[in-house]
Amino acid sequence: IGAKQVYELIFNDPDEVLQDDWEEFDDELYAELE
């Protein structure tokens, strides 16, 4: 599964995939990246 599929999975129906709010998700993305 590549970045394109992950992106589509999360952003096409975010409520279906993640039960977190977007601000927390963005913070977590940046923390993971760092």
ModelCIF file with pLDDT and N, C-alpha, C, O atoms, coordinates in Angstrom:
data_MODEL
#
_entry.id   MODEL 
#
_entity.id                         1 
_entity.type                       polymer 
_entity.pdbx_number_of_molecules   1 
#
_entity_poly.entity_id                      1 
_entity_poly.type                           'polypeptide(L)' 
_entity_poly.nstd_linkage                   no 
_entity_poly.nstd_monomer                   no 
_entity_poly.pdbx_seq_one_letter_code       IGAKQVYELIFNDPDEVLQDDWEEFDDELYAELE 
_entity_poly.pdbx_seq_one_letter_code_can   IGAKQVYELIFNDPDEVLQDDWEEFDDELYAELE 
_entity_poly.pdbx_strand_id                 A 
#
loop_
_entity_poly_seq.entity_id 
_entity_poly_seq.num 
_entity_poly_seq.mon_id 
_entity_poly_seq.hetero 
1 1  ILE n 
1 2  GLY n 
1 3  ALA n 
1 4  LYS n 
1 5  GLN n 
1 6  VAL n 
1 7  TYR n 
1 8  GLU n 
1 9  LEU n 
1 10 ILE n 
1 11 PHE n 
1 12 ASN n 
1 13 ASP n 
1 14 PRO n 
1 15 ASP n 
1 16 GLU n 
1 17 VAL n 
1 18 LEU n 
1 19 GLN n 
1 20 ASP n 
1 21 ASP n 
1 22 TRP n 
1 23 GLU n 
1 24 GLU n 
1 25 PHE n 
1 26 ASP n 
1 27 ASP n 
1 28 GLU n 
1 29 LEU n 
1 30 TYR n 
1 31 ALA n 
1 32 GLU n 
1 33 LEU n 
1 34 GLU n 
#
_struct_asym.id          A 
_struct_asym.entity_id   1 
#
loop_
_ma_qa_metric.id 
_ma_qa_metric.mode 
_ma_qa_metric.name 
_ma_qa_metric.software_group_id 
_ma_qa_metric.type 
1 global pLDDT . pLDDT 
2 local  pLDDT . pLDDT 
#
_ma_qa_metric_global.metric_id      1 
_ma_qa_metric_global.metric_value   60.00 
_ma_qa_metric_global.model_id       1 
_ma_qa_metric_global.ordinal_id     1 
#
loop_
_ma_qa_metric_local.label_asym_id 
_ma_qa_metric_local.label_comp_id 
_ma_qa_metric_local.label_seq_id 
_ma_qa_metric_local.metric_id 
_ma_qa_metric_local.metric_value 
_ma_qa_metric_local.model_id 
_ma_qa_metric_local.ordinal_id 
A ILE 1  2 76.00 1 1  
A GLY 2  2 70.00 1 2  
A ALA 3  2 61.00 1 3  
A LYS 4  2 59.00 1 4  
A GLN 5  2 65.00 1 5  
A VAL 6  2 66.00 1 6  
A TYR 7  2 57.00 1 7  
A GLU 8  2 60.00 1 8  
A LEU 9  2 60.00 1 9  
A ILE 10 2 58.00 1 10 
A PHE 11 2 57.00 1 11 
A ASN 12 2 55.00 1 12 
A ASP 13 2 55.00 1 13 
A PRO 14 2 51.00 1 14 
A ASP 15 2 53.00 1 15 
A GLU 16 2 51.00 1 16 
A VAL 17 2 51.00 1 17 
A LEU 18 2 52.00 1 18 
A GLN 19 2 50.00 1 19 
A ASP 20 2 51.00 1 20 
A ASP 21 2 55.00 1 21 
A TRP 22 2 55.00 1 22 
A GLU 23 2 61.00 1 23 
A GLU 24 2 61.00 1 24 
A PHE 25 2 61.00 1 25 
A ASP 26 2 62.00 1 26 
A ASP 27 2 65.00 1 27 
A GLU 28 2 65.00 1 28 
A LEU 29 2 65.00 1 29 
A TYR 30 2 65.00 1 30 
A ALA 31 2 67.00 1 31 
A GLU 32 2 67.00 1 32 
A LEU 33 2 66.00 1 33 
A GLU 34 2 67.00 1 34 
#
loop_
_atom_site.group_PDB 
_atom_site.id 
_atom_site.type_symbol 
_atom_site.label_atom_id 
_atom_site.label_alt_id 
_atom_site.label_comp_id 
_atom_site.label_asym_id 
_atom_site.label_entity_id 
_atom_site.label_seq_id 
_atom_site.pdbx_PDB_ins_code 
_atom_site.Cartn_x 
_atom_site.Cartn_y 
_atom_site.Cartn_z 
_atom_site.occupancy 
_atom_site.B_iso_or_equiv 
_atom_site.pdbx_formal_charge 
_atom_site.auth_seq_id 
_atom_site.auth_comp_id 
_atom_site.auth_asym_id 
_atom_site.auth_atom_id 
_atom_site.pdbx_PDB_model_num 
ATOM 1   N N  . ILE A 1 1  ? 0.877   -1.165 0.000  1.00 76.00 ? 1  ILE A N  1 
ATOM 2   C CA . ILE A 1 1  ? 0.000   0.000  0.000  1.00 76.00 ? 1  ILE A CA 1 
ATOM 3   C C  . ILE A 1 1  ? 0.914   1.215  0.000  1.00 76.00 ? 1  ILE A C  1 
ATOM 4   O O  . ILE A 1 1  ? 1.764   1.354  0.879  1.00 76.00 ? 1  ILE A O  1 
ATOM 5   N N  . GLY A 1 2  ? 0.746   2.087  -0.973 1.00 70.00 ? 2  GLY A N  1 
ATOM 6   C CA . GLY A 1 2  ? 1.597   3.260  -1.100 1.00 70.00 ? 2  GLY A CA 1 
ATOM 7   C C  . GLY A 1 2  ? 0.942   4.508  -0.560 1.00 70.00 ? 2  GLY A C  1 
ATOM 8   O O  . GLY A 1 2  ? -0.173  4.472  -0.039 1.00 70.00 ? 2  GLY A O  1 
ATOM 9   N N  . ALA A 1 3  ? 1.648   5.611  -0.693 1.00 61.00 ? 3  ALA A N  1 
ATOM 10  C CA . ALA A 1 3  ? 1.157   6.893  -0.175 1.00 61.00 ? 3  ALA A CA 1 
ATOM 11  C C  . ALA A 1 3  ? -0.157  7.295  -0.835 1.00 61.00 ? 3  ALA A C  1 
ATOM 12  O O  . ALA A 1 3  ? -1.038  7.844  -0.172 1.00 61.00 ? 3  ALA A O  1 
ATOM 13  N N  . LYS A 1 4  ? -0.299  7.027  -2.134 1.00 59.00 ? 4  LYS A N  1 
ATOM 14  C CA . LYS A 1 4  ? -1.528  7.414  -2.840 1.00 59.00 ? 4  LYS A CA 1 
ATOM 15  C C  . LYS A 1 4  ? -2.740  6.688  -2.240 1.00 59.00 ? 4  LYS A C  1 
ATOM 16  O O  . LYS A 1 4  ? -3.787  7.298  -2.024 1.00 59.00 ? 4  LYS A O  1 
ATOM 17  N N  . GLN A 1 5  ? -2.592  5.391  -1.973 1.00 65.00 ? 5  GLN A N  1 
ATOM 18  C CA . GLN A 1 5  ? -3.701  4.632  -1.405 1.00 65.00 ? 5  GLN A CA 1 
ATOM 19  C C  . GLN A 1 5  ? -4.003  5.067  0.027  1.00 65.00 ? 5  GLN A C  1 
ATOM 20  O O  . GLN A 1 5  ? -5.166  5.156  0.420  1.00 65.00 ? 5  GLN A O  1 
ATOM 21  N N  . VAL A 1 6  ? -2.953  5.338  0.806  1.00 66.00 ? 6  VAL A N  1 
ATOM 22  C CA . VAL A 1 6  ? -3.166  5.795  2.177  1.00 66.00 ? 6  VAL A CA 1 
ATOM 23  C C  . VAL A 1 6  ? -3.882  7.137  2.159  1.00 66.00 ? 6  VAL A C  1 
ATOM 24  O O  . VAL A 1 6  ? -4.817  7.361  2.927  1.00 66.00 ? 6  VAL A O  1 
ATOM 25  N N  . TYR A 1 7  ? -3.441  8.022  1.285  1.00 57.00 ? 7  TYR A N  1 
ATOM 26  C CA . TYR A 1 7  ? -4.070  9.335  1.172  1.00 57.00 ? 7  TYR A CA 1 
ATOM 27  C C  . TYR A 1 7  ? -5.563  9.186  0.833  1.00 57.00 ? 7  TYR A C  1 
ATOM 28  O O  . TYR A 1 7  ? -6.419  9.805  1.465  1.00 57.00 ? 7  TYR A O  1 
ATOM 29  N N  . GLU A 1 8  ? -5.856  8.352  -0.175 1.00 60.00 ? 8  GLU A N  1 
ATOM 30  C CA . GLU A 1 8  ? -7.257  8.157  -0.569 1.00 60.00 ? 8  GLU A CA 1 
ATOM 31  C C  . GLU A 1 8  ? -8.066  7.541  0.561  1.00 60.00 ? 8  GLU A C  1 
ATOM 32  O O  . GLU A 1 8  ? -9.208  7.934  0.795  1.00 60.00 ? 8  GLU A O  1 
ATOM 33  N N  . LEU A 1 9  ? -7.486  6.590  1.253  1.00 60.00 ? 9  LEU A N  1 
ATOM 34  C CA . LEU A 1 9  ? -8.179  5.926  2.342  1.00 60.00 ? 9  LEU A CA 1 
ATOM 35  C C  . LEU A 1 9  ? -8.533  6.901  3.456  1.00 60.00 ? 9  LEU A C  1 
ATOM 36  O O  . LEU A 1 9  ? -9.652  6.886  3.968  1.00 60.00 ? 9  LEU A O  1 
ATOM 37  N N  . ILE A 1 10 ? -7.587  7.739  3.828  1.00 58.00 ? 10 ILE A N  1 
ATOM 38  C CA . ILE A 1 10 ? -7.827  8.679  4.931  1.00 58.00 ? 10 ILE A CA 1 
ATOM 39  C C  . ILE A 1 10 ? -8.702  9.837  4.509  1.00 58.00 ? 10 ILE A C  1 
ATOM 40  O O  . ILE A 1 10 ? -9.631  10.201 5.231  1.00 58.00 ? 10 ILE A O  1 
ATOM 41  N N  . PHE A 1 11 ? -8.428  10.425 3.355  1.00 57.00 ? 11 PHE A N  1 
ATOM 42  C CA . PHE A 1 11 ? -9.078  11.690 3.034  1.00 57.00 ? 11 PHE A CA 1 
ATOM 43  C C  . PHE A 1 11 ? -10.365 11.567 2.231  1.00 57.00 ? 11 PHE A C  1 
ATOM 44  O O  . PHE A 1 11 ? -11.119 12.537 2.146  1.00 57.00 ? 11 PHE A O  1 
ATOM 45  N N  . ASN A 1 12 ? -10.643 10.413 1.640  1.00 55.00 ? 12 ASN A N  1 
ATOM 46  C CA . ASN A 1 12 ? -11.926 10.260 0.949  1.00 55.00 ? 12 ASN A CA 1 
ATOM 47  C C  . ASN A 1 12 ? -13.057 10.075 1.938  1.00 55.00 ? 12 ASN A C  1 
ATOM 48  O O  . ASN A 1 12 ? -14.174 10.530 1.691  1.00 55.00 ? 12 ASN A O  1 
ATOM 49  N N  . ASP A 1 13 ? -12.792 9.419  3.048  1.00 55.00 ? 13 ASP A N  1 
ATOM 50  C CA . ASP A 1 13 ? -13.821 9.226  4.063  1.00 55.00 ? 13 ASP A CA 1 
ATOM 51  C C  . ASP A 1 13 ? -13.161 9.198  5.438  1.00 55.00 ? 13 ASP A C  1 
ATOM 52  O O  . ASP A 1 13 ? -13.093 8.144  6.072  1.00 55.00 ? 13 ASP A O  1 
ATOM 53  N N  . PRO A 1 14 ? -12.681 10.337 5.899  1.00 51.00 ? 14 PRO A N  1 
ATOM 54  C CA . PRO A 1 14 ? -11.899 10.368 7.134  1.00 51.00 ? 14 PRO A CA 1 
ATOM 55  C C  . PRO A 1 14 ? -12.653 9.875  8.359  1.00 51.00 ? 14 PRO A C  1 
ATOM 56  O O  . PRO A 1 14 ? -12.051 9.266  9.243  1.00 51.00 ? 14 PRO A O  1 
ATOM 57  N N  . ASP A 1 15 ? -13.955 10.123 8.433  1.00 53.00 ? 15 ASP A N  1 
ATOM 58  C CA . ASP A 1 15 ? -14.713 9.683  9.601  1.00 53.00 ? 15 ASP A CA 1 
ATOM 59  C C  . ASP A 1 15 ? -14.808 8.169  9.651  1.00 53.00 ? 15 ASP A C  1 
ATOM 60  O O  . ASP A 1 15 ? -14.952 7.583  10.724 1.00 53.00 ? 15 ASP A O  1 
ATOM 61  N N  . GLU A 1 16 ? -14.726 7.539  8.488  1.00 51.00 ? 16 GLU A N  1 
ATOM 62  C CA . GLU A 1 16 ? -14.780 6.084  8.411  1.00 51.00 ? 16 GLU A CA 1 
ATOM 63  C C  . GLU A 1 16 ? -13.467 5.470  8.891  1.00 51.00 ? 16 GLU A C  1 
ATOM 64  O O  . GLU A 1 16 ? -13.465 4.373  9.449  1.00 51.00 ? 16 GLU A O  1 
ATOM 65  N N  . VAL A 1 17 ? -12.360 6.164  8.679  1.00 51.00 ? 17 VAL A N  1 
ATOM 66  C CA . VAL A 1 17 ? -11.046 5.596  8.961  1.00 51.00 ? 17 VAL A CA 1 
ATOM 67  C C  . VAL A 1 17 ? -10.536 5.983  10.336 1.00 51.00 ? 17 VAL A C  1 
ATOM 68  O O  . VAL A 1 17 ? -10.199 5.113  11.140 1.00 51.00 ? 17 VAL A O  1 
ATOM 69  N N  . LEU A 1 18 ? -10.476 7.270  10.615 1.00 52.00 ? 18 LEU A N  1 
ATOM 70  C CA . LEU A 1 18 ? -9.889  7.742  11.865 1.00 52.00 ? 18 LEU A CA 1 
ATOM 71  C C  . LEU A 1 18 ? -10.952 8.381  12.744 1.00 52.00 ? 18 LEU A C  1 
ATOM 72  O O  . LEU A 1 18 ? -11.794 9.143  12.270 1.00 52.00 ? 18 LEU A O  1 
ATOM 73  N N  . GLN A 1 19 ? -10.902 8.063  14.011 1.00 50.00 ? 19 GLN A N  1 
ATOM 74  C CA . GLN A 1 19 ? -11.855 8.641  14.939 1.00 50.00 ? 19 GLN A CA 1 
ATOM 75  C C  . GLN A 1 19 ? -11.176 9.694  15.811 1.00 50.00 ? 19 GLN A C  1 
ATOM 76  O O  . GLN A 1 19 ? -11.501 9.852  16.987 1.00 50.00 ? 19 GLN A O  1 
ATOM 77  N N  . ASP A 1 20 ? -10.249 10.394 15.222 1.00 51.00 ? 20 ASP A N  1 
ATOM 78  C CA . ASP A 1 20 ? -9.536  11.472 15.890 1.00 51.00 ? 20 ASP A CA 1 
ATOM 79  C C  . ASP A 1 20 ? -9.893  12.776 15.179 1.00 51.00 ? 20 ASP A C  1 
ATOM 80  O O  . ASP A 1 20 ? -10.342 12.759 14.033 1.00 51.00 ? 20 ASP A O  1 
ATOM 81  N N  . ASP A 1 21 ? -9.693  13.906 15.860 1.00 55.00 ? 21 ASP A N  1 
ATOM 82  C CA . ASP A 1 21 ? -9.949  15.145 15.138 1.00 55.00 ? 21 ASP A CA 1 
ATOM 83  C C  . ASP A 1 21 ? -8.726  15.521 14.305 1.00 55.00 ? 21 ASP A C  1 
ATOM 84  O O  . ASP A 1 21 ? -7.616  15.055 14.566 1.00 55.00 ? 21 ASP A O  1 
ATOM 85  N N  . TRP A 1 22 ? -8.944  16.374 13.295 1.00 55.00 ? 22 TRP A N  1 
ATOM 86  C CA . TRP A 1 22 ? -7.895  16.680 12.319 1.00 55.00 ? 22 TRP A CA 1 
ATOM 87  C C  . TRP A 1 22 ? -6.704  17.392 12.929 1.00 55.00 ? 22 TRP A C  1 
ATOM 88  O O  . TRP A 1 22 ? -5.568  17.164 12.515 1.00 55.00 ? 22 TRP A O  1 
ATOM 89  N N  . GLU A 1 23 ? -6.947  18.252 13.907 1.00 61.00 ? 23 GLU A N  1 
ATOM 90  C CA . GLU A 1 23 ? -5.832  18.974 14.514 1.00 61.00 ? 23 GLU A CA 1 
ATOM 91  C C  . GLU A 1 23 ? -4.872  17.988 15.183 1.00 61.00 ? 23 GLU A C  1 
ATOM 92  O O  . GLU A 1 23 ? -3.655  18.096 15.031 1.00 61.00 ? 23 GLU A O  1 
ATOM 93  N N  . GLU A 1 24 ? -5.435  17.023 15.927 1.00 61.00 ? 24 GLU A N  1 
ATOM 94  C CA . GLU A 1 24 ? -4.603  15.993 16.552 1.00 61.00 ? 24 GLU A CA 1 
ATOM 95  C C  . GLU A 1 24 ? -3.895  15.160 15.493 1.00 61.00 ? 24 GLU A C  1 
ATOM 96  O O  . GLU A 1 24 ? -2.727  14.803 15.647 1.00 61.00 ? 24 GLU A O  1 
ATOM 97  N N  . PHE A 1 25 ? -4.615  14.852 14.411 1.00 61.00 ? 25 PHE A N  1 
ATOM 98  C CA . PHE A 1 25 ? -4.029  14.040 13.338 1.00 61.00 ? 25 PHE A CA 1 
ATOM 99  C C  . PHE A 1 25 ? -2.845  14.769 12.709 1.00 61.00 ? 25 PHE A C  1 
ATOM 100 O O  . PHE A 1 25 ? -1.789  14.174 12.495 1.00 61.00 ? 25 PHE A O  1 
ATOM 101 N N  . ASP A 1 26 ? -3.020  16.057 12.414 1.00 62.00 ? 26 ASP A N  1 
ATOM 102 C CA . ASP A 1 26 ? -1.931  16.839 11.836 1.00 62.00 ? 26 ASP A CA 1 
ATOM 103 C C  . ASP A 1 26 ? -0.734  16.902 12.789 1.00 62.00 ? 26 ASP A C  1 
ATOM 104 O O  . ASP A 1 26 ? 0.411   16.747 12.364 1.00 62.00 ? 26 ASP A O  1 
ATOM 105 N N  . ASP A 1 27 ? -1.003  17.128 14.076 1.00 65.00 ? 27 ASP A N  1 
ATOM 106 C CA . ASP A 1 27 ? 0.076   17.155 15.061 1.00 65.00 ? 27 ASP A CA 1 
ATOM 107 C C  . ASP A 1 27 ? 0.818   15.826 15.077 1.00 65.00 ? 27 ASP A C  1 
ATOM 108 O O  . ASP A 1 27 ? 2.046   15.789 15.143 1.00 65.00 ? 27 ASP A O  1 
ATOM 109 N N  . GLU A 1 28 ? 0.058   14.738 15.015 1.00 65.00 ? 28 GLU A N  1 
ATOM 110 C CA . GLU A 1 28 ? 0.662   13.412 15.031 1.00 65.00 ? 28 GLU A CA 1 
ATOM 111 C C  . GLU A 1 28 ? 1.486   13.153 13.766 1.00 65.00 ? 28 GLU A C  1 
ATOM 112 O O  . GLU A 1 28 ? 2.555   12.546 13.830 1.00 65.00 ? 28 GLU A O  1 
ATOM 113 N N  . LEU A 1 29 ? 0.987   13.616 12.621 1.00 65.00 ? 29 LEU A N  1 
ATOM 114 C CA . LEU A 1 29 ? 1.749   13.466 11.379 1.00 65.00 ? 29 LEU A CA 1 
ATOM 115 C C  . LEU A 1 29 ? 3.102   14.158 11.492 1.00 65.00 ? 29 LEU A C  1 
ATOM 116 O O  . LEU A 1 29 ? 4.132   13.584 11.139 1.00 65.00 ? 29 LEU A O  1 
ATOM 117 N N  . TYR A 1 30 ? 3.094   15.387 11.982 1.00 65.00 ? 30 TYR A N  1 
ATOM 118 C CA . TYR A 1 30 ? 4.347   16.123 12.097 1.00 65.00 ? 30 TYR A CA 1 
ATOM 119 C C  . TYR A 1 30 ? 5.272   15.503 13.145 1.00 65.00 ? 30 TYR A C  1 
ATOM 120 O O  . TYR A 1 30 ? 6.488   15.472 12.959 1.00 65.00 ? 30 TYR A O  1 
ATOM 121 N N  . ALA A 1 31 ? 4.705   15.014 14.237 1.00 67.00 ? 31 ALA A N  1 
ATOM 122 C CA . ALA A 1 31 ? 5.527   14.354 15.255 1.00 67.00 ? 31 ALA A CA 1 
ATOM 123 C C  . ALA A 1 31 ? 6.171   13.092 14.672 1.00 67.00 ? 31 ALA A C  1 
ATOM 124 O O  . ALA A 1 31 ? 7.350   12.826 14.904 1.00 67.00 ? 31 ALA A O  1 
ATOM 125 N N  . GLU A 1 32 ? 5.395   12.326 13.921 1.00 67.00 ? 32 GLU A N  1 
ATOM 126 C CA . GLU A 1 32 ? 5.912   11.116 13.278 1.00 67.00 ? 32 GLU A CA 1 
ATOM 127 C C  . GLU A 1 32 ? 7.008   11.477 12.277 1.00 67.00 ? 32 GLU A C  1 
ATOM 128 O O  . GLU A 1 32 ? 8.053   10.828 12.235 1.00 67.00 ? 32 GLU A O  1 
ATOM 129 N N  . LEU A 1 33 ? 6.772   12.496 11.485 1.00 66.00 ? 33 LEU A N  1 
ATOM 130 C CA . LEU A 1 33 ? 7.755   12.935 10.501 1.00 66.00 ? 33 LEU A CA 1 
ATOM 131 C C  . LEU A 1 33 ? 9.056   13.355 11.193 1.00 66.00 ? 33 LEU A C  1 
ATOM 132 O O  . LEU A 1 33 ? 10.144  12.970 10.765 1.00 66.00 ? 33 LEU A O  1 
ATOM 133 N N  . GLU A 1 34 ? 8.937   14.131 12.246 1.00 67.00 ? 34 GLU A N  1 
ATOM 134 C CA . GLU A 1 34 ? 10.117  14.596 12.975 1.00 67.00 ? 34 GLU A CA 1 
ATOM 135 C C  . GLU A 1 34 ? 10.885  13.417 13.586 1.00 67.00 ? 34 GLU A C  1 
ATOM 136 O O  . GLU A 1 34 ? 11.910  13.619 14.238 1.00 67.00 ? 34 GLU A O  1 
#
